[in-house]
Amino acid sequence: MKRVTYKYRNSHLEAYFWLIALVSLAFSSPDKATHYTLCIFKNLGFDFCPGCGLGHGIAYLFHGQLLESWQAHPLALLAVVILLVRSINILRKDIKFTIKE
C-alpha cells in the first residue's frame, strides 16, 4: 500500500502564499463598487491599475463570469494556471511515496 508522507519546508512558503491569494480572490466579491483596496494607484485617485484588473479578472473567473473576467484583464486565466502549476511543482518535489508492507 502506498502512503504519502509530507514534511513542511520553508521553501513551501511561496506556494502557500499563492494558494491563499487565489482562495481569497475566489471568495471575494468581484464587484468594483464594494471592493476595499490597498492599491496605491486607486487610493491616489487613478482609475486604471493593471494589478487591480488582474485581481478582479481572477475573482470574476472563479465566479464563472468569463466575459467579465476577460474584460477586467485578458491574462487572468493564464495567471491562475501559472500560479497553480507553480504551487503544485513547489509542493510536489518534497512529497514522497513510501511502500508500507
PDB file of N, CA and C in Angstrom:
ATOM      1  N   MET A   1       0.843  -1.174   0.000  1.00  0.00           N
ATOM      2  CA  MET A   1       0.000   0.000   0.000  1.00  0.00           C
ATOM      3  C   MET A   1       0.893   1.245   0.000  1.00  0.00           C
ATOM      4  N   LYS A   2       0.584   2.185  -0.852  1.00  0.00           N
ATOM      5  CA  LYS A   2       1.376   3.405  -0.903  1.00  0.00           C
ATOM      6  C   LYS A   2       0.848   4.407   0.104  1.00  0.00           C
ATOM      7  N   ARG A   3       1.774   5.047   0.750  1.00  0.00           N
ATOM      8  CA  ARG A   3       1.412   6.044   1.748  1.00  0.00           C
ATOM      9  C   ARG A   3       2.137   7.343   1.414  1.00  0.00           C
ATOM     10  N   VAL A   4       1.427   8.440   1.456  1.00  0.00           N
ATOM     11  CA  VAL A   4       2.019   9.730   1.140  1.00  0.00           C
ATOM     12  C   VAL A   4       2.489  10.376   2.431  1.00  0.00           C
ATOM     13  N   THR A   5       3.748  10.774   2.453  1.00  0.00           N
ATOM     14  CA  THR A   5       4.270  11.492   3.606  1.00  0.00           C
ATOM     15  C   THR A   5       4.602  12.913   3.182  1.00  0.00           C
ATOM     16  N   TYR A   6       4.395  13.831   4.075  1.00  0.00           N
ATOM     17  CA  TYR A   6       4.632  15.240   3.774  1.00  0.00           C
ATOM     18  C   TYR A   6       5.345  15.890   4.945  1.00  0.00           C
ATOM     19  N   LYS A   7       6.364  16.672   4.641  1.00  0.00           N
ATOM     20  CA  LYS A   7       7.081  17.414   5.661  1.00  0.00           C
ATOM     21  C   LYS A   7       7.162  18.862   5.216  1.00  0.00           C
ATOM     22  N   TYR A   8       6.712  19.765   6.060  1.00  0.00           N
ATOM     23  CA  TYR A   8       6.728  21.184   5.729  1.00  0.00           C
ATOM     24  C   TYR A   8       8.161  21.684   5.604  1.00  0.00           C
ATOM     25  N   ARG A   9       8.398  22.491   4.603  1.00  0.00           N
ATOM     26  CA  ARG A   9       9.695  23.131   4.398  1.00  0.00           C
ATOM     27  C   ARG A   9       9.453  24.620   4.174  1.00  0.00           C
ATOM     28  N   ASN A  10      10.437  25.426   4.542  1.00  0.00           N
ATOM     29  CA  ASN A  10      10.315  26.869   4.343  1.00  0.00           C
ATOM     30  C   ASN A  10      10.187  27.235   2.869  1.00  0.00           C
ATOM     31  N   SER A  11      10.677  26.391   1.984  1.00  0.00           N
ATOM     32  CA  SER A  11      10.557  26.657   0.555  1.00  0.00           C
ATOM     33  C   SER A  11       9.109  26.569   0.083  1.00  0.00           C
ATOM     34  N   HIS A  12       8.233  26.007   0.900  1.00  0.00           N
ATOM     35  CA  HIS A  12       6.824  25.894   0.536  1.00  0.00           C
ATOM     36  C   HIS A  12       6.057  27.185   0.802  1.00  0.00           C
ATOM     37  N   LEU A  13       6.693  28.149   1.429  1.00  0.00           N
ATOM     38  CA  LEU A  13       6.020  29.394   1.779  1.00  0.00           C
ATOM     39  C   LEU A  13       5.476  30.099   0.546  1.00  0.00           C
ATOM     40  N   GLU A  14       6.214  30.094  -0.544  1.00  0.00           N
ATOM     41  CA  GLU A  14       5.743  30.728  -1.773  1.00  0.00           C
ATOM     42  C   GLU A  14       4.470  30.060  -2.281  1.00  0.00           C
ATOM     43  N   ALA A  15       4.442  28.744  -2.261  1.00  0.00           N
ATOM     44  CA  ALA A  15       3.262  28.009  -2.725  1.00  0.00           C
ATOM     45  C   ALA A  15       2.052  28.330  -1.862  1.00  0.00           C
ATOM     46  N   TYR A  16       2.240  28.356  -0.560  1.00  0.00           N
ATOM     47  CA  TYR A  16       1.126  28.673   0.331  1.00  0.00           C
ATOM     48  C   TYR A  16       0.637  30.103   0.125  1.00  0.00           C
ATOM     49  N   PHE A  17       1.548  31.021  -0.118  1.00  0.00           N
ATOM     50  CA  PHE A  17       1.159  32.412  -0.378  1.00  0.00           C
ATOM     51  C   PHE A  17       0.263  32.500  -1.610  1.00  0.00           C
ATOM     52  N   TRP A  18       0.677  31.861  -2.721  1.00  0.00           N
ATOM     53  CA  TRP A  18      -0.121  31.917  -3.951  1.00  0.00           C
ATOM     54  C   TRP A  18      -1.457  31.209  -3.786  1.00  0.00           C
ATOM     55  N   LEU A  19      -1.466  30.080  -3.110  1.00  0.00           N
ATOM     56  CA  LEU A  19      -2.728  29.358  -2.921  1.00  0.00           C
ATOM     57  C   LEU A  19      -3.703  30.139  -2.046  1.00  0.00           C
ATOM     58  N   ILE A  20      -3.193  30.765  -0.988  1.00  0.00           N
ATOM     59  CA  ILE A  20      -4.055  31.590  -0.132  1.00  0.00           C
ATOM     60  C   ILE A  20      -4.574  32.799  -0.897  1.00  0.00           C
ATOM     61  N   ALA A  21      -3.727  33.401  -1.735  1.00  0.00           N
ATOM     62  CA  ALA A  21      -4.166  34.544  -2.541  1.00  0.00           C
ATOM     63  C   ALA A  21      -5.266  34.134  -3.510  1.00  0.00           C
ATOM     64  N   LEU A  22      -5.114  32.985  -4.162  1.00  0.00           N
ATOM     65  CA  LEU A  22      -6.143  32.529  -5.096  1.00  0.00           C
ATOM     66  C   LEU A  22      -7.447  32.192  -4.386  1.00  0.00           C
ATOM     67  N   VAL A  23      -7.357  31.556  -3.224  1.00  0.00           N
ATOM     68  CA  VAL A  23      -8.565  31.227  -2.465  1.00  0.00           C
ATOM     69  C   VAL A  23      -9.264  32.498  -1.987  1.00  0.00           C
ATOM     70  N   SER A  24      -8.500  33.478  -1.547  1.00  0.00           N
ATOM     71  CA  SER A  24      -9.131  34.729  -1.093  1.00  0.00           C
ATOM     72  C   SER A  24      -9.797  35.457  -2.254  1.00  0.00           C
ATOM     73  N   LEU A  25      -9.207  35.413  -3.446  1.00  0.00           N
ATOM     74  CA  LEU A  25      -9.857  36.004  -4.608  1.00  0.00           C
ATOM     75  C   LEU A  25     -11.100  35.222  -5.016  1.00  0.00           C
ATOM     76  N   ALA A  26     -11.077  33.909  -4.811  1.00  0.00           N
ATOM     77  CA  ALA A  26     -12.241  33.093  -5.146  1.00  0.00           C
ATOM     78  C   ALA A  26     -13.426  33.421  -4.245  1.00  0.00           C
ATOM     79  N   PHE A  27     -13.169  33.792  -2.998  1.00  0.00           N
ATOM     80  CA  PHE A  27     -14.245  34.103  -2.066  1.00  0.00           C
ATOM     81  C   PHE A  27     -14.590  35.587  -2.013  1.00  0.00           C
ATOM     82  N   SER A  28     -13.802  36.426  -2.690  1.00  0.00           N
ATOM     83  CA  SER A  28     -14.094  37.861  -2.662  1.00  0.00           C
ATOM     84  C   SER A  28     -15.130  38.213  -3.718  1.00  0.00           C
ATOM     85  N   SER A  29     -15.768  39.339  -3.508  1.00  0.00           N
ATOM     86  CA  SER A  29     -16.754  39.830  -4.466  1.00  0.00           C
ATOM     87  C   SER A  29     -16.035  40.600  -5.560  1.00  0.00           C
ATOM     88  N   PRO A  30     -16.279  40.251  -6.822  1.00  0.00           N
ATOM     89  CA  PRO A  30     -15.603  40.972  -7.893  1.00  0.00           C
ATOM     90  C   PRO A  30     -16.228  42.334  -8.194  1.00  0.00           C
ATOM     91  N   ASP A  31     -17.298  42.672  -7.511  1.00  0.00           N
ATOM     92  CA  ASP A  31     -17.964  43.956  -7.737  1.00  0.00           C
ATOM     93  C   ASP A  31     -17.030  45.091  -7.347  1.00  0.00           C
ATOM     94  N   LYS A  32     -16.753  45.971  -8.282  1.00  0.00           N
ATOM     95  CA  LYS A  32     -15.784  47.040  -8.044  1.00  0.00           C
ATOM     96  C   LYS A  32     -16.317  48.130  -7.120  1.00  0.00           C
ATOM     97  N   ALA A  33     -17.619  48.257  -7.018  1.00  0.00           N
ATOM     98  CA  ALA A  33     -18.195  49.313  -6.184  1.00  0.00           C
ATOM     99  C   ALA A  33     -18.020  49.021  -4.699  1.00  0.00           C
ATOM    100  N   THR A  34     -18.062  47.747  -4.321  1.00  0.00           N
ATOM    101  CA  THR A  34     -17.951  47.393  -2.899  1.00  0.00           C
ATOM    102  C   THR A  34     -16.573  46.880  -2.541  1.00  0.00           C
ATOM    103  N   HIS A  35     -15.643  47.073  -3.427  1.00  0.00           N
ATOM    104  CA  HIS A  35     -14.309  46.497  -3.241  1.00  0.00           C
ATOM    105  C   HIS A  35     -13.431  47.438  -2.413  1.00  0.00           C
ATOM    106  N   TYR A  36     -12.949  46.940  -1.281  1.00  0.00           N
ATOM    107  CA  TYR A  36     -11.969  47.672  -0.485  1.00  0.00           C
ATOM    108  C   TYR A  36     -10.604  47.386  -1.063  1.00  0.00           C
ATOM    109  N   THR A  37      -9.770  48.392  -1.177  1.00  0.00           N
ATOM    110  CA  THR A  37      -8.490  48.193  -1.834  1.00  0.00           C
ATOM    111  C   THR A  37      -7.333  48.760  -1.022  1.00  0.00           C
ATOM    112  N   LEU A  38      -6.206  48.102  -1.147  1.00  0.00           N
ATOM    113  CA  LEU A  38      -4.955  48.606  -0.601  1.00  0.00           C
ATOM    114  C   LEU A  38      -4.081  49.173  -1.713  1.00  0.00           C
ATOM    115  N   CYS A  39      -4.630  49.254  -2.913  1.00  0.00           N
ATOM    116  CA  CYS A  39      -3.887  49.687  -4.090  1.00  0.00           C
ATOM    117  C   CYS A  39      -3.491  51.158  -3.967  1.00  0.00           C
ATOM    118  N   ILE A  40      -2.218  51.422  -4.161  1.00  0.00           N
ATOM    119  CA  ILE A  40      -1.716  52.800  -4.074  1.00  0.00           C
ATOM    120  C   ILE A  40      -2.307  53.655  -5.182  1.00  0.00           C
ATOM    121  N   PHE A  41      -2.388  53.100  -6.401  1.00  0.00           N
ATOM    122  CA  PHE A  41      -2.929  53.867  -7.528  1.00  0.00           C
ATOM    123  C   PHE A  41      -4.382  54.264  -7.301  1.00  0.00           C
ATOM    124  N   LYS A  42      -5.196  53.330  -6.829  1.00  0.00           N
ATOM    125  CA  LYS A  42      -6.616  53.626  -6.575  1.00  0.00           C
ATOM    126  C   LYS A  42      -6.765  54.648  -5.447  1.00  0.00           C
ATOM    127  N   ASN A  43      -5.959  54.517  -4.407  1.00  0.00           N
ATOM    128  CA  ASN A  43      -6.045  55.463  -3.293  1.00  0.00           C
ATOM    129  C   ASN A  43      -5.554  56.850  -3.671  1.00  0.00           C
ATOM    130  N   LEU A  44      -4.700  56.946  -4.716  1.00  0.00           N
ATOM    131  CA  LEU A  44      -4.246  58.245  -5.200  1.00  0.00           C
ATOM    132  C   LEU A  44      -5.209  58.848  -6.216  1.00  0.00           C
ATOM    133  N   GLY A  45      -6.256  58.115  -6.591  1.00  0.00           N
ATOM    134  CA  GLY A  45      -7.274  58.648  -7.483  1.00  0.00           C
ATOM    135  C   GLY A  45      -7.159  58.230  -8.935  1.00  0.00           C
ATOM    136  N   PHE A  46      -6.202  57.369  -9.267  1.00  0.00           N
ATOM    137  CA  PHE A  46      -6.089  56.899 -10.645  1.00  0.00           C
ATOM    138  C   PHE A  46      -7.175  55.860 -10.915  1.00  0.00           C
ATOM    139  N   ASP A  47      -7.732  55.885 -12.114  1.00  0.00           N
ATOM    140  CA  ASP A  47      -8.794  54.939 -12.460  1.00  0.00           C
ATOM    141  C   ASP A  47      -8.270  53.600 -12.953  1.00  0.00           C
ATOM    142  N   PHE A  48      -7.047  53.568 -13.473  1.00  0.00           N
ATOM    143  CA  PHE A  48      -6.537  52.341 -14.065  1.00  0.00           C
ATOM    144  C   PHE A  48      -5.379  51.783 -13.237  1.00  0.00           C
ATOM    145  N   CYS A  49      -5.447  50.522 -12.959  1.00  0.00           N
ATOM    146  CA  CYS A  49      -4.358  49.811 -12.301  1.00  0.00           C
ATOM    147  C   CYS A  49      -4.361  48.384 -12.850  1.00  0.00           C
ATOM    148  N   PRO A  50      -3.297  47.943 -13.517  1.00  0.00           N
ATOM    149  CA  PRO A  50      -3.293  46.585 -14.072  1.00  0.00           C
ATOM    150  C   PRO A  50      -3.362  45.501 -13.001  1.00  0.00           C
ATOM    151  N   GLY A  51      -2.830  45.766 -11.831  1.00  0.00           N
ATOM    152  CA  GLY A  51      -2.898  44.779 -10.749  1.00  0.00           C
ATOM    153  C   GLY A  51      -4.312  44.568 -10.249  1.00  0.00           C
ATOM    154  N   CYS A  52      -5.048  45.662 -10.106  1.00  0.00           N
ATOM    155  CA  CYS A  52      -6.443  45.542  -9.675  1.00  0.00           C
ATOM    156  C   CYS A  52      -7.275  44.854 -10.743  1.00  0.00           C
ATOM    157  N   GLY A  53      -6.987  45.159 -12.002  1.00  0.00           N
ATOM    158  CA  GLY A  53      -7.705  44.499 -13.095  1.00  0.00           C
ATOM    159  C   GLY A  53      -7.472  42.999 -13.082  1.00  0.00           C
ATOM    160  N   LEU A  54      -6.248  42.597 -12.798  1.00  0.00           N
ATOM    161  CA  LEU A  54      -5.936  41.175 -12.727  1.00  0.00           C
ATOM    162  C   LEU A  54      -6.661  40.517 -11.550  1.00  0.00           C
ATOM    163  N   GLY A  55      -6.686  41.185 -10.417  1.00  0.00           N
ATOM    164  CA  GLY A  55      -7.397  40.650  -9.257  1.00  0.00           C
ATOM    165  C   GLY A  55      -8.891  40.519  -9.517  1.00  0.00           C
ATOM    166  N   HIS A  56      -9.482  41.536 -10.128  1.00  0.00           N
ATOM    167  CA  HIS A  56     -10.907  41.465 -10.469  1.00  0.00           C
ATOM    168  C   HIS A  56     -11.148  40.383 -11.518  1.00  0.00           C
ATOM    169  N   GLY A  57     -10.237  40.258 -12.483  1.00  0.00           N
ATOM    170  CA  GLY A  57     -10.380  39.228 -13.509  1.00  0.00           C
ATOM    171  C   GLY A  57     -10.357  37.831 -12.920  1.00  0.00           C
ATOM    172  N   ILE A  58      -9.471  37.596 -11.957  1.00  0.00           N
ATOM    173  CA  ILE A  58      -9.396  36.289 -11.303  1.00  0.00           C
ATOM    174  C   ILE A  58     -10.651  36.037 -10.472  1.00  0.00           C
ATOM    175  N   ALA A  59     -11.134  37.061  -9.769  1.00  0.00           N
ATOM    176  CA  ALA A  59     -12.356  36.904  -8.975  1.00  0.00           C
ATOM    177  C   ALA A  59     -13.546  36.600  -9.880  1.00  0.00           C
ATOM    178  N   TYR A  60     -13.667  37.315 -10.996  1.00  0.00           N
ATOM    179  CA  TYR A  60     -14.744  37.026 -11.956  1.00  0.00           C
ATOM    180  C   TYR A  60     -14.614  35.606 -12.490  1.00  0.00           C
ATOM    181  N   LEU A  61     -13.396  35.173 -12.763  1.00  0.00           N
ATOM    182  CA  LEU A  61     -13.156  33.837 -13.290  1.00  0.00           C
ATOM    183  C   LEU A  61     -13.642  32.767 -12.313  1.00  0.00           C
ATOM    184  N   PHE A  62     -13.333  32.927 -11.042  1.00  0.00           N
ATOM    185  CA  PHE A  62     -13.773  31.953 -10.037  1.00  0.00           C
ATOM    186  C   PHE A  62     -15.280  31.982  -9.819  1.00  0.00           C
ATOM    187  N   HIS A  63     -15.924  33.083 -10.176  1.00  0.00           N
ATOM    188  CA  HIS A  63     -17.380  33.174 -10.068  1.00  0.00           C
ATOM    189  C   HIS A  63     -18.071  32.754 -11.359  1.00  0.00           C
ATOM    190  N   GLY A  64     -17.293  32.281 -12.332  1.00  0.00           N
ATOM    191  CA  GLY A  64     -17.868  31.769 -13.567  1.00  0.00           C
ATOM    192  C   GLY A  64     -18.263  32.833 -14.577  1.00  0.00           C
ATOM    193  N   GLN A  65     -17.846  34.053 -14.378  1.00  0.00           N
ATOM    194  CA  GLN A  65     -18.187  35.152 -15.275  1.00  0.00           C
ATOM    195  C   GLN A  65     -17.008  35.391 -16.221  1.00  0.00           C
ATOM    196  N   LEU A  66     -16.950  34.573 -17.269  1.00  0.00           N
ATOM    197  CA  LEU A  66     -15.787  34.563 -18.150  1.00  0.00           C
ATOM    198  C   LEU A  66     -15.648  35.843 -18.966  1.00  0.00           C
ATOM    199  N   LEU A  67     -16.748  36.389 -19.461  1.00  0.00           N
ATOM    200  CA  LEU A  67     -16.672  37.616 -20.253  1.00  0.00           C
ATOM    201  C   LEU A  67     -16.191  38.791 -19.406  1.00  0.00           C
ATOM    202  N   GLU A  68     -16.727  38.916 -18.192  1.00  0.00           N
ATOM    203  CA  GLU A  68     -16.295  39.987 -17.294  1.00  0.00           C
ATOM    204  C   GLU A  68     -14.834  39.814 -16.906  1.00  0.00           C
ATOM    205  N   SER A  69     -14.418  38.561 -16.729  1.00  0.00           N
ATOM    206  CA  SER A  69     -13.021  38.289 -16.412  1.00  0.00           C
ATOM    207  C   SER A  69     -12.117  38.754 -17.542  1.00  0.00           C
ATOM    208  N   TRP A  70     -12.483  38.441 -18.773  1.00  0.00           N
ATOM    209  CA  TRP A  70     -11.697  38.849 -19.931  1.00  0.00           C
ATOM    210  C   TRP A  70     -11.649  40.369 -20.047  1.00  0.00           C
ATOM    211  N   GLN A  71     -12.775  41.028 -19.761  1.00  0.00           N
ATOM    212  CA  GLN A  71     -12.828  42.489 -19.856  1.00  0.00           C
ATOM    213  C   GLN A  71     -12.013  43.156 -18.750  1.00  0.00           C
ATOM    214  N   ALA A  72     -11.965  42.559 -17.580  1.00  0.00           N
ATOM    215  CA  ALA A  72     -11.187  43.136 -16.477  1.00  0.00           C
ATOM    216  C   ALA A  72      -9.691  43.005 -16.752  1.00  0.00           C
ATOM    217  N   HIS A  73      -9.270  41.824 -17.208  1.00  0.00           N
ATOM    218  CA  HIS A  73      -7.864  41.609 -17.573  1.00  0.00           C
ATOM    219  C   HIS A  73      -7.774  40.340 -18.402  1.00  0.00           C
ATOM    220  N   PRO A  74      -7.301  40.431 -19.645  1.00  0.00           N
ATOM    221  CA  PRO A  74      -7.271  39.256 -20.515  1.00  0.00           C
ATOM    222  C   PRO A  74      -6.329  38.140 -20.058  1.00  0.00           C
ATOM    223  N   LEU A  75      -5.417  38.421 -19.165  1.00  0.00           N
ATOM    224  CA  LEU A  75      -4.457  37.405 -18.727  1.00  0.00           C
ATOM    225  C   LEU A  75      -4.829  36.740 -17.403  1.00  0.00           C
ATOM    226  N   ALA A  76      -6.055  36.934 -16.933  1.00  0.00           N
ATOM    227  CA  ALA A  76      -6.463  36.374 -15.638  1.00  0.00           C
ATOM    228  C   ALA A  76      -6.414  34.849 -15.647  1.00  0.00           C
ATOM    229  N   LEU A  77      -6.933  34.221 -16.690  1.00  0.00           N
ATOM    230  CA  LEU A  77      -6.923  32.759 -16.756  1.00  0.00           C
ATOM    231  C   LEU A  77      -5.497  32.227 -16.814  1.00  0.00           C
ATOM    232  N   LEU A  78      -4.661  32.856 -17.599  1.00  0.00           N
ATOM    233  CA  LEU A  78      -3.263  32.445 -17.683  1.00  0.00           C
ATOM    234  C   LEU A  78      -2.562  32.600 -16.332  1.00  0.00           C
ATOM    235  N   ALA A  79      -2.847  33.672 -15.625  1.00  0.00           N
ATOM    236  CA  ALA A  79      -2.239  33.891 -14.310  1.00  0.00           C
ATOM    237  C   ALA A  79      -2.643  32.792 -13.324  1.00  0.00           C
ATOM    238  N   VAL A  80      -3.913  32.399 -13.329  1.00  0.00           N
ATOM    239  CA  VAL A  80      -4.376  31.335 -12.429  1.00  0.00           C
ATOM    240  C   VAL A  80      -3.677  30.024 -12.762  1.00  0.00           C
ATOM    241  N   VAL A  81      -3.578  29.703 -14.042  1.00  0.00           N
ATOM    242  CA  VAL A  81      -2.921  28.455 -14.452  1.00  0.00           C
ATOM    243  C   VAL A  81      -1.446  28.464 -14.033  1.00  0.00           C
ATOM    244  N   ILE A  82      -0.760  29.560 -14.280  1.00  0.00           N
ATOM    245  CA  ILE A  82       0.661  29.650 -13.921  1.00  0.00           C
ATOM    246  C   ILE A  82       0.853  29.528 -12.415  1.00  0.00           C
ATOM    247  N   LEU A  83       0.026  30.208 -11.627  1.00  0.00           N
ATOM    248  CA  LEU A  83       0.178  30.148 -10.169  1.00  0.00           C
ATOM    249  C   LEU A  83      -0.143  28.767  -9.619  1.00  0.00           C
ATOM    250  N   LEU A  84      -1.145  28.097 -10.177  1.00  0.00           N
ATOM    251  CA  LEU A  84      -1.461  26.743  -9.719  1.00  0.00           C
ATOM    252  C   LEU A  84      -0.354  25.755 -10.079  1.00  0.00           C
ATOM    253  N   VAL A  85       0.152  25.835 -11.294  1.00  0.00           N
ATOM    254  CA  VAL A  85       1.236  24.936 -11.707  1.00  0.00           C
ATOM    255  C   VAL A  85       2.480  25.181 -10.861  1.00  0.00           C
ATOM    256  N   ARG A  86       2.815  26.439 -10.637  1.00  0.00           N
ATOM    257  CA  ARG A  86       3.989  26.770  -9.815  1.00  0.00           C
ATOM    258  C   ARG A  86       3.830  26.228  -8.399  1.00  0.00           C
ATOM    259  N   SER A  87       2.669  26.425  -7.803  1.00  0.00           N
ATOM    260  CA  SER A  87       2.429  25.958  -6.433  1.00  0.00           C
ATOM    261  C   SER A  87       2.496  24.441  -6.345  1.00  0.00           C
ATOM    262  N   ILE A  88       1.902  23.762  -7.314  1.00  0.00           N
ATOM    263  CA  ILE A  88       1.927  22.297  -7.309  1.00  0.00           C
ATOM    264  C   ILE A  88       3.354  21.785  -7.467  1.00  0.00           C
ATOM    265  N   ASN A  89       4.122  22.409  -8.339  1.00  0.00           N
ATOM    266  CA  ASN A  89       5.514  21.973  -8.525  1.00  0.00           C
ATOM    267  C   ASN A  89       6.351  22.178  -7.273  1.00  0.00           C
ATOM    268  N   ILE A  90       6.135  23.267  -6.562  1.00  0.00           N
ATOM    269  CA  ILE A  90       6.877  23.513  -5.319  1.00  0.00           C
ATOM    270  C   ILE A  90       6.527  22.460  -4.271  1.00  0.00           C
ATOM    271  N   LEU A  91       5.236  22.179  -4.107  1.00  0.00           N
ATOM    272  CA  LEU A  91       4.801  21.235  -3.076  1.00  0.00           C
ATOM    273  C   LEU A  91       5.123  19.791  -3.459  1.00  0.00           C
ATOM    274  N   ARG A  92       5.083  19.489  -4.733  1.00  0.00           N
ATOM    275  CA  ARG A  92       5.245  18.110  -5.186  1.00  0.00           C
ATOM    276  C   ARG A  92       6.666  17.593  -5.080  1.00  0.00           C
ATOM    277  N   LYS A  93       7.635  18.457  -5.163  1.00  0.00           N
ATOM    278  CA  LYS A  93       9.008  17.961  -5.186  1.00  0.00           C
ATOM    279  C   LYS A  93       9.448  17.350  -3.853  1.00  0.00           C
ATOM    280  N   ASP A  94       8.738  17.614  -2.762  1.00  0.00           N
ATOM    281  CA  ASP A  94       9.115  17.058  -1.465  1.00  0.00           C
ATOM    282  C   ASP A  94       8.145  15.998  -0.947  1.00  0.00           C
ATOM    283  N   ILE A  95       7.122  15.669  -1.726  1.00  0.00           N
ATOM    284  CA  ILE A  95       6.204  14.613  -1.308  1.00  0.00           C
ATOM    285  C   ILE A  95       6.788  13.278  -1.756  1.00  0.00           C
ATOM    286  N   LYS A  96       6.866  12.359  -0.842  1.00  0.00           N
ATOM    287  CA  LYS A  96       7.457  11.064  -1.150  1.00  0.00           C
ATOM    288  C   LYS A  96       6.412   9.971  -0.942  1.00  0.00           C
ATOM    289  N   PHE A  97       6.439   9.012  -1.823  1.00  0.00           N
ATOM    290  CA  PHE A  97       5.566   7.858  -1.697  1.00  0.00           C
ATOM    291  C   PHE A  97       6.358   6.722  -1.063  1.00  0.00           C
ATOM    292  N   THR A  98       5.837   6.183   0.012  1.00  0.00           N
ATOM    293  CA  THR A  98       6.527   5.068   0.665  1.00  0.00           C
ATOM    294  C   THR A  98       5.631   3.837   0.617  1.00  0.00           C
ATOM    295  N   ILE A  99       6.247   2.696   0.509  1.00  0.00           N
ATOM    296  CA  ILE A  99       5.503   1.441   0.471  1.00  0.00           C
ATOM    297  C   ILE A  99       5.526   0.819   1.853  1.00  0.00           C
ATOM    298  N   LYS A 100       4.353   0.610   2.393  1.00  0.00           N
ATOM    299  CA  LYS A 100       4.227   0.009   3.708  1.00  0.00           C
ATOM    300  C   LYS A 100       3.823  -1.464   3.531  1.00  0.00           C
ATOM    301  N   GLU A 101       4.599  -2.326   4.094  1.00  0.00           N
ATOM    302  CA  GLU A 101       4.322  -3.758   3.950  1.00  0.00           C
ATOM    303  C   GLU A 101       3.684  -4.330   5.182  1.00  0.00           C
TER     304      GLU A 101
END
